[in-house]
Amino acid sequence: MALHRDRDEPATDPYFGVRLWLQTETRHGWVWAYNLEHLDLLRRFVQAPLREGIPCHDHGRKMTVVARLPAWMQQAKNRDEVLRAIARIHASLLHA
């Protein structure tokens, strides 16, 4: 998710520069995904009641997709809002 740094603007594809189709705005920023698998990964991560942290002996930066999510998406207090946004994106596919 680090390819899109401006949380106040809609996400665009870094290769082609076109706006991504799977996205919606929240009060904290934009939730977006490249495809359904990406959207499902986000849902499963946000939904998880327990998430493993970086081990204390591993000081290198983790470059996984979920490790690069904005802090507001990872916070438990925003879980419901992020899950509602993911549900809105998914519902938009059903209506298209």
Protein backbone atom coordinates (compact mmCIF):
# COMPACT_ATOMS: atom_id res chain seq x y z
CA MET A 1 0.00 0.00 0.00
CA ALA A 2 3.00 2.28 0.15
CA LEU A 3 2.68 3.17 -3.53
CA HIS A 4 -0.20 5.47 -2.64
CA ARG A 5 0.89 7.94 0.00
CA ASP A 6 -1.75 10.72 -0.09
CA ARG A 7 -4.57 9.56 2.15
CA ASP A 8 -6.78 12.49 1.11
CA GLU A 9 -6.83 11.56 -2.58
CA PRO A 10 -8.29 8.51 -4.35
CA ALA A 11 -5.79 5.75 -5.08
CA THR A 12 -4.38 5.43 -8.58
CA ASP A 13 -2.54 2.63 -10.29
CA PRO A 14 1.19 3.42 -10.10
CA TYR A 15 1.83 1.94 -13.54
CA PHE A 16 -0.95 3.44 -15.62
CA GLY A 17 -1.98 6.41 -13.48
CA VAL A 18 -5.70 5.56 -13.62
CA ARG A 19 -7.97 5.60 -10.60
CA LEU A 20 -8.51 2.21 -8.96
CA TRP A 21 -12.02 0.81 -9.17
CA LEU A 22 -12.09 -0.96 -5.78
CA GLN A 23 -11.93 1.90 -3.31
CA THR A 24 -14.00 3.99 -0.95
CA GLU A 25 -13.34 6.94 1.34
CA THR A 26 -13.53 6.90 5.13
CA ARG A 27 -13.05 9.73 7.60
CA HIS A 28 -9.43 8.60 8.08
CA GLY A 29 -8.46 8.06 4.45
CA TRP A 30 -9.09 5.81 1.47
CA VAL A 31 -9.50 2.03 1.63
CA TRP A 32 -8.55 0.44 -1.67
CA ALA A 33 -7.62 -2.88 -3.22
CA TYR A 34 -6.23 -4.03 -6.54
CA ASN A 35 -8.50 -7.07 -6.81
CA LEU A 36 -10.84 -9.34 -4.82
CA GLU A 37 -7.97 -11.36 -3.36
CA HIS A 38 -6.35 -8.17 -2.08
CA LEU A 39 -9.69 -7.02 -0.64
CA ASP A 40 -10.16 -10.37 1.10
CA LEU A 41 -6.65 -10.19 2.57
CA LEU A 42 -7.42 -6.75 4.00
CA ARG A 43 -10.72 -7.98 5.45
CA ARG A 44 -9.12 -11.02 7.09
CA PHE A 45 -6.29 -8.91 8.58
CA VAL A 46 -8.56 -6.18 9.94
CA GLN A 47 -11.03 -8.75 11.26
CA ALA A 48 -8.41 -10.79 13.11
CA PRO A 49 -8.79 -10.49 16.89
CA LEU A 50 -5.10 -11.23 17.45
CA ARG A 51 -2.31 -10.12 15.13
CA GLU A 52 1.28 -11.19 15.43
CA GLY A 53 3.75 -8.37 15.89
CA ILE A 54 7.32 -8.11 14.67
CA PRO A 55 9.59 -10.23 16.90
CA CYS A 56 11.81 -8.19 19.23
CA HIS A 57 14.96 -9.72 17.68
CA ASP A 58 13.93 -8.77 14.12
CA HIS A 59 14.71 -5.09 13.60
CA GLY A 60 14.44 -5.13 9.81
CA ARG A 61 11.37 -3.57 8.23
CA LYS A 62 8.73 -6.09 7.18
CA MET A 63 7.71 -5.53 3.59
CA THR A 64 4.47 -7.51 3.60
CA VAL A 65 1.26 -5.93 2.35
CA VAL A 66 -0.33 -5.83 5.81
CA ALA A 67 2.85 -4.47 7.44
CA ARG A 68 2.64 -1.50 5.10
CA LEU A 69 -0.97 -0.62 5.85
CA PRO A 70 -1.56 2.85 7.29
CA ALA A 71 -1.58 2.92 11.10
CA TRP A 72 -5.24 4.00 11.20
CA MET A 73 -6.25 0.81 9.35
CA GLN A 74 -4.36 -1.35 11.84
CA GLN A 75 -5.86 0.21 14.97
CA ALA A 76 -8.56 -1.82 16.71
CA LYS A 77 -10.63 1.31 17.37
CA ASN A 78 -11.10 1.74 13.60
CA ARG A 79 -11.86 -1.94 12.90
CA ASP A 80 -15.62 -1.50 12.39
CA GLU A 81 -15.21 1.49 10.10
CA VAL A 82 -12.61 -0.26 7.94
CA LEU A 83 -14.73 -3.42 7.73
CA ARG A 84 -17.76 -1.32 6.67
CA ALA A 85 -15.64 0.30 3.96
CA ILE A 86 -14.50 -3.11 2.72
CA ALA A 87 -18.13 -4.27 2.70
CA ARG A 88 -19.10 -1.16 0.65
CA ILE A 89 -16.40 -1.95 -1.91
CA HIS A 90 -17.56 -5.55 -2.13
CA ALA A 91 -21.23 -4.49 -2.47
CA SER A 92 -20.29 -2.11 -5.28
CA LEU A 93 -19.13 -5.12 -7.29
CA LEU A 94 -22.53 -6.76 -6.91
CA HIS A 95 -24.31 -3.68 -8.25
CA ALA A 96 -21.97 -3.15 -11.19
